[in-house]
Amino acid sequence: MITDGEDDNIDPTVFNKARSVFRSVKVLLIGGENSVIEENVDTIKIQELTSESLSHTIRRI
């Protein structure tokens, strides 16, 4: 999942359902914060999206 985290009203059970289907579930959080996401799923945070930060993040995934 890729999001900025702003105004995302996500039900945490969505992550449990995703984990039951997929081997790995991660969120790429760009420039924002969302405590529900960060507490319930592996989260990779990027404060400012640049070609360098995106390249580094893709290697981490």
PDB file of N, CA and C in Angstrom:
ATOM      1  N   MET A   1       0.845  -1.161   0.000  1.00  0.00           N
ATOM      2  CA  MET A   1       0.000   0.000   0.000  1.00  0.00           C
ATOM      3  C   MET A   1       0.893   1.227   0.000  1.00  0.00           C
ATOM      4  N   ILE A   2       0.548   2.210  -0.792  1.00  0.00           N
ATOM      5  CA  ILE A   2       1.281   3.467  -0.835  1.00  0.00           C
ATOM      6  C   ILE A   2       0.297   4.583  -0.507  1.00  0.00           C
ATOM      7  N   THR A   3       0.652   5.424   0.479  1.00  0.00           N
ATOM      8  CA  THR A   3      -0.241   6.492   0.904  1.00  0.00           C
ATOM      9  C   THR A   3       0.555   7.637   1.516  1.00  0.00           C
ATOM     10  N   ASP A   4      -0.103   8.781   1.635  1.00  0.00           N
ATOM     11  CA  ASP A   4       0.509   9.887   2.362  1.00  0.00           C
ATOM     12  C   ASP A   4       0.054   9.872   3.818  1.00  0.00           C
ATOM     13  N   GLY A   5      -0.907   9.012   4.140  1.00  0.00           N
ATOM     14  CA  GLY A   5      -1.347   8.848   5.514  1.00  0.00           C
ATOM     15  C   GLY A   5      -2.346   9.877   5.996  1.00  0.00           C
ATOM     16  N   GLU A   6      -2.453  10.978   5.294  1.00  0.00           N
ATOM     17  CA  GLU A   6      -3.367  12.042   5.707  1.00  0.00           C
ATOM     18  C   GLU A   6      -4.806  11.630   5.426  1.00  0.00           C
ATOM     19  N   ASP A   7      -5.654  11.825   6.397  1.00  0.00           N
ATOM     20  CA  ASP A   7      -7.089  11.566   6.263  1.00  0.00           C
ATOM     21  C   ASP A   7      -7.433  10.128   5.897  1.00  0.00           C
ATOM     22  N   ASP A   8      -6.520   9.205   6.137  1.00  0.00           N
ATOM     23  CA  ASP A   8      -6.790   7.786   5.890  1.00  0.00           C
ATOM     24  C   ASP A   8      -7.441   7.191   7.129  1.00  0.00           C
ATOM     25  N   ASN A   9      -8.700   6.858   7.031  1.00  0.00           N
ATOM     26  CA  ASN A   9      -9.415   6.209   8.131  1.00  0.00           C
ATOM     27  C   ASN A   9      -9.451   4.718   7.835  1.00  0.00           C
ATOM     28  N   ILE A  10      -8.411   4.036   8.255  1.00  0.00           N
ATOM     29  CA  ILE A  10      -8.244   2.630   7.922  1.00  0.00           C
ATOM     30  C   ILE A  10      -8.614   1.758   9.109  1.00  0.00           C
ATOM     31  N   ASP A  11      -9.412   0.750   8.838  1.00  0.00           N
ATOM     32  CA  ASP A  11      -9.770  -0.235   9.854  1.00  0.00           C
ATOM     33  C   ASP A  11      -8.605  -1.214   9.966  1.00  0.00           C
ATOM     34  N   PRO A  12      -8.027  -1.386  11.157  1.00  0.00           N
ATOM     35  CA  PRO A  12      -6.865  -2.269  11.315  1.00  0.00           C
ATOM     36  C   PRO A  12      -7.117  -3.712  10.886  1.00  0.00           C
ATOM     37  N   THR A  13      -8.355  -4.147  10.869  1.00  0.00           N
ATOM     38  CA  THR A  13      -8.633  -5.526  10.455  1.00  0.00           C
ATOM     39  C   THR A  13      -8.309  -5.750   8.976  1.00  0.00           C
ATOM     40  N   VAL A  14      -8.240  -4.675   8.208  1.00  0.00           N
ATOM     41  CA  VAL A  14      -7.865  -4.798   6.797  1.00  0.00           C
ATOM     42  C   VAL A  14      -6.472  -5.410   6.670  1.00  0.00           C
ATOM     43  N   PHE A  15      -5.564  -5.017   7.567  1.00  0.00           N
ATOM     44  CA  PHE A  15      -4.211  -5.549   7.510  1.00  0.00           C
ATOM     45  C   PHE A  15      -4.184  -7.030   7.861  1.00  0.00           C
ATOM     46  N   ASN A  16      -5.007  -7.448   8.811  1.00  0.00           N
ATOM     47  CA  ASN A  16      -5.089  -8.871   9.155  1.00  0.00           C
ATOM     48  C   ASN A  16      -5.602  -9.686   7.964  1.00  0.00           C
ATOM     49  N   LYS A  17      -6.585  -9.152   7.270  1.00  0.00           N
ATOM     50  CA  LYS A  17      -7.117  -9.848   6.092  1.00  0.00           C
ATOM     51  C   LYS A  17      -6.057  -9.912   4.999  1.00  0.00           C
ATOM     52  N   ALA A  18      -5.328  -8.829   4.816  1.00  0.00           N
ATOM     53  CA  ALA A  18      -4.274  -8.826   3.796  1.00  0.00           C
ATOM     54  C   ALA A  18      -3.187  -9.838   4.136  1.00  0.00           C
ATOM     55  N   ARG A  19      -2.825  -9.946   5.423  1.00  0.00           N
ATOM     56  CA  ARG A  19      -1.800 -10.912   5.844  1.00  0.00           C
ATOM     57  C   ARG A  19      -2.258 -12.350   5.620  1.00  0.00           C
ATOM     58  N   SER A  20      -3.562 -12.586   5.664  1.00  0.00           N
ATOM     59  CA  SER A  20      -4.060 -13.945   5.449  1.00  0.00           C
ATOM     60  C   SER A  20      -3.976 -14.342   3.974  1.00  0.00           C
ATOM     61  N   VAL A  21      -3.853 -13.360   3.099  1.00  0.00           N
ATOM     62  CA  VAL A  21      -3.797 -13.627   1.664  1.00  0.00           C
ATOM     63  C   VAL A  21      -2.369 -13.504   1.116  1.00  0.00           C
ATOM     64  N   PHE A  22      -1.638 -12.505   1.598  1.00  0.00           N
ATOM     65  CA  PHE A  22      -0.300 -12.230   1.085  1.00  0.00           C
ATOM     66  C   PHE A  22       0.769 -12.625   2.090  1.00  0.00           C
ATOM     67  N   ARG A  23       1.907 -13.048   1.586  1.00  0.00           N
ATOM     68  CA  ARG A  23       3.029 -13.440   2.438  1.00  0.00           C
ATOM     69  C   ARG A  23       3.561 -12.253   3.233  1.00  0.00           C
ATOM     70  N   SER A  24       3.571 -11.075   2.622  1.00  0.00           N
ATOM     71  CA  SER A  24       4.128  -9.897   3.267  1.00  0.00           C
ATOM     72  C   SER A  24       3.264  -8.683   2.947  1.00  0.00           C
ATOM     73  N   VAL A  25       3.015  -7.864   3.958  1.00  0.00           N
ATOM     74  CA  VAL A  25       2.224  -6.650   3.774  1.00  0.00           C
ATOM     75  C   VAL A  25       3.037  -5.482   4.306  1.00  0.00           C
ATOM     76  N   LYS A  26       3.246  -4.472   3.454  1.00  0.00           N
ATOM     77  CA  LYS A  26       3.997  -3.286   3.854  1.00  0.00           C
ATOM     78  C   LYS A  26       3.281  -2.045   3.354  1.00  0.00           C
ATOM     79  N   VAL A  27       3.527  -0.958   4.048  1.00  0.00           N
ATOM     80  CA  VAL A  27       2.974   0.328   3.638  1.00  0.00           C
ATOM     81  C   VAL A  27       4.124   1.283   3.395  1.00  0.00           C
ATOM     82  N   LEU A  28       4.072   1.986   2.291  1.00  0.00           N
ATOM     83  CA  LEU A  28       5.012   3.049   1.995  1.00  0.00           C
ATOM     84  C   LEU A  28       4.298   4.352   2.330  1.00  0.00           C
ATOM     85  N   LEU A  29       4.731   5.004   3.391  1.00  0.00           N
ATOM     86  CA  LEU A  29       4.086   6.213   3.906  1.00  0.00           C
ATOM     87  C   LEU A  29       4.934   7.407   3.483  1.00  0.00           C
ATOM     88  N   ILE A  30       4.383   8.228   2.596  1.00  0.00           N
ATOM     89  CA  ILE A  30       5.152   9.325   2.015  1.00  0.00           C
ATOM     90  C   ILE A  30       4.720  10.658   2.619  1.00  0.00           C
ATOM     91  N   GLY A  31       5.622  11.260   3.397  1.00  0.00           N
ATOM     92  CA  GLY A  31       5.449  12.620   3.883  1.00  0.00           C
ATOM     93  C   GLY A  31       4.432  12.826   4.983  1.00  0.00           C
ATOM     94  N   GLY A  32       3.733  11.814   5.393  1.00  0.00           N
ATOM     95  CA  GLY A  32       2.710  11.990   6.416  1.00  0.00           C
ATOM     96  C   GLY A  32       2.881  11.001   7.547  1.00  0.00           C
ATOM     97  N   GLU A  33       1.895  10.990   8.427  1.00  0.00           N
ATOM     98  CA  GLU A  33       1.883  10.052   9.541  1.00  0.00           C
ATOM     99  C   GLU A  33       0.485   9.489   9.690  1.00  0.00           C
ATOM    100  N   ASN A  34       0.417   8.261  10.175  1.00  0.00           N
ATOM    101  CA  ASN A  34      -0.858   7.635  10.460  1.00  0.00           C
ATOM    102  C   ASN A  34      -0.601   6.548  11.495  1.00  0.00           C
ATOM    103  N   SER A  35      -1.019   6.803  12.726  1.00  0.00           N
ATOM    104  CA  SER A  35      -0.714   5.885  13.826  1.00  0.00           C
ATOM    105  C   SER A  35      -1.358   4.510  13.635  1.00  0.00           C
ATOM    106  N   VAL A  36      -2.537   4.447  13.044  1.00  0.00           N
ATOM    107  CA  VAL A  36      -3.196   3.148  12.828  1.00  0.00           C
ATOM    108  C   VAL A  36      -2.348   2.291  11.891  1.00  0.00           C
ATOM    109  N   ILE A  37      -1.873   2.889  10.824  1.00  0.00           N
ATOM    110  CA  ILE A  37      -1.034   2.154   9.877  1.00  0.00           C
ATOM    111  C   ILE A  37       0.272   1.735  10.544  1.00  0.00           C
ATOM    112  N   GLU A  38       0.944   2.693  11.191  1.00  0.00           N
ATOM    113  CA  GLU A  38       2.254   2.432  11.772  1.00  0.00           C
ATOM    114  C   GLU A  38       2.223   1.397  12.887  1.00  0.00           C
ATOM    115  N   GLU A  39       1.122   1.298  13.615  1.00  0.00           N
ATOM    116  CA  GLU A  39       1.014   0.335  14.710  1.00  0.00           C
ATOM    117  C   GLU A  39       0.622  -1.061  14.239  1.00  0.00           C
ATOM    118  N   ASN A  40       0.101  -1.189  13.026  1.00  0.00           N
ATOM    119  CA  ASN A  40      -0.463  -2.466  12.603  1.00  0.00           C
ATOM    120  C   ASN A  40       0.224  -3.158  11.444  1.00  0.00           C
ATOM    121  N   VAL A  41       1.163  -2.504  10.803  1.00  0.00           N
ATOM    122  CA  VAL A  41       1.799  -3.114   9.636  1.00  0.00           C
ATOM    123  C   VAL A  41       3.208  -2.542   9.470  1.00  0.00           C
ATOM    124  N   ASP A  42       4.100  -3.341   8.839  1.00  0.00           N
ATOM    125  CA  ASP A  42       5.436  -2.840   8.522  1.00  0.00           C
ATOM    126  C   ASP A  42       5.300  -1.565   7.706  1.00  0.00           C
ATOM    127  N   THR A  43       5.914  -0.498   8.168  1.00  0.00           N
ATOM    128  CA  THR A  43       5.783   0.791   7.509  1.00  0.00           C
ATOM    129  C   THR A  43       7.154   1.337   7.137  1.00  0.00           C
ATOM    130  N   ILE A  44       7.283   1.725   5.894  1.00  0.00           N
ATOM    131  CA  ILE A  44       8.489   2.391   5.418  1.00  0.00           C
ATOM    132  C   ILE A  44       8.107   3.848   5.203  1.00  0.00           C
ATOM    133  N   LYS A  45       8.800   4.744   5.920  1.00  0.00           N
ATOM    134  CA  LYS A  45       8.452   6.161   5.850  1.00  0.00           C
ATOM    135  C   LYS A  45       9.466   6.941   5.015  1.00  0.00           C
ATOM    136  N   ILE A  46       8.941   7.793   4.159  1.00  0.00           N
ATOM    137  CA  ILE A  46       9.755   8.728   3.388  1.00  0.00           C
ATOM    138  C   ILE A  46       9.213  10.124   3.690  1.00  0.00           C
ATOM    139  N   GLN A  47      10.060  10.981   4.226  1.00  0.00           N
ATOM    140  CA  GLN A  47       9.614  12.334   4.536  1.00  0.00           C
ATOM    141  C   GLN A  47       9.485  13.184   3.284  1.00  0.00           C
ATOM    142  N   GLU A  48      10.455  13.057   2.387  1.00  0.00           N
ATOM    143  CA  GLU A  48      10.435  13.824   1.148  1.00  0.00           C
ATOM    144  C   GLU A  48      10.779  12.891   0.005  1.00  0.00           C
ATOM    145  N   LEU A  49       9.907  12.796  -0.959  1.00  0.00           N
ATOM    146  CA  LEU A  49      10.109  11.871  -2.067  1.00  0.00           C
ATOM    147  C   LEU A  49      11.012  12.495  -3.120  1.00  0.00           C
ATOM    148  N   THR A  50      12.156  11.873  -3.314  1.00  0.00           N
ATOM    149  CA  THR A  50      13.088  12.247  -4.374  1.00  0.00           C
ATOM    150  C   THR A  50      13.448  10.978  -5.126  1.00  0.00           C
ATOM    151  N   SER A  51      14.100  11.110  -6.253  1.00  0.00           N
ATOM    152  CA  SER A  51      14.499   9.907  -7.001  1.00  0.00           C
ATOM    153  C   SER A  51      15.455   9.056  -6.162  1.00  0.00           C
ATOM    154  N   GLU A  52      16.314   9.701  -5.363  1.00  0.00           N
ATOM    155  CA  GLU A  52      17.253   8.967  -4.521  1.00  0.00           C
ATOM    156  C   GLU A  52      16.524   8.225  -3.395  1.00  0.00           C
ATOM    157  N   SER A  53      15.593   8.894  -2.717  1.00  0.00           N
ATOM    158  CA  SER A  53      14.879   8.235  -1.620  1.00  0.00           C
ATOM    159  C   SER A  53      13.994   7.114  -2.143  1.00  0.00           C
ATOM    160  N   LEU A  54      13.413   7.312  -3.302  1.00  0.00           N
ATOM    161  CA  LEU A  54      12.571   6.275  -3.892  1.00  0.00           C
ATOM    162  C   LEU A  54      13.413   5.055  -4.280  1.00  0.00           C
ATOM    163  N   SER A  55      14.555   5.292  -4.869  1.00  0.00           N
ATOM    164  CA  SER A  55      15.455   4.195  -5.252  1.00  0.00           C
ATOM    165  C   SER A  55      15.899   3.412  -4.017  1.00  0.00           C
ATOM    166  N   HIS A  56      16.273   4.110  -2.960  1.00  0.00           N
ATOM    167  CA  HIS A  56      16.704   3.471  -1.724  1.00  0.00           C
ATOM    168  C   HIS A  56      15.559   2.646  -1.124  1.00  0.00           C
ATOM    169  N   THR A  57      14.362   3.185  -1.153  1.00  0.00           N
ATOM    170  CA  THR A  57      13.194   2.504  -0.581  1.00  0.00           C
ATOM    171  C   THR A  57      12.838   1.259  -1.369  1.00  0.00           C
ATOM    172  N   ILE A  58      12.892   1.351  -2.669  1.00  0.00           N
ATOM    173  CA  ILE A  58      12.564   0.177  -3.500  1.00  0.00           C
ATOM    174  C   ILE A  58      13.529  -0.963  -3.204  1.00  0.00           C
ATOM    175  N   ARG A  59      14.792  -0.641  -2.964  1.00  0.00           N
ATOM    176  CA  ARG A  59      15.756  -1.695  -2.621  1.00  0.00           C
ATOM    177  C   ARG A  59      15.408  -2.321  -1.278  1.00  0.00           C
ATOM    178  N   ARG A  60      14.837  -1.557  -0.346  1.00  0.00           N
ATOM    179  CA  ARG A  60      14.465  -2.086   0.975  1.00  0.00           C
ATOM    180  C   ARG A  60      13.262  -3.020   0.900  1.00  0.00           C
ATOM    181  N   ILE A  61      12.421  -2.828  -0.072  1.00  0.00           N
ATOM    182  CA  ILE A  61      11.217  -3.652  -0.204  1.00  0.00           C
ATOM    183  C   ILE A  61      11.621  -4.979  -0.770  1.00  0.00           C
TER     184      ILE A  61
END
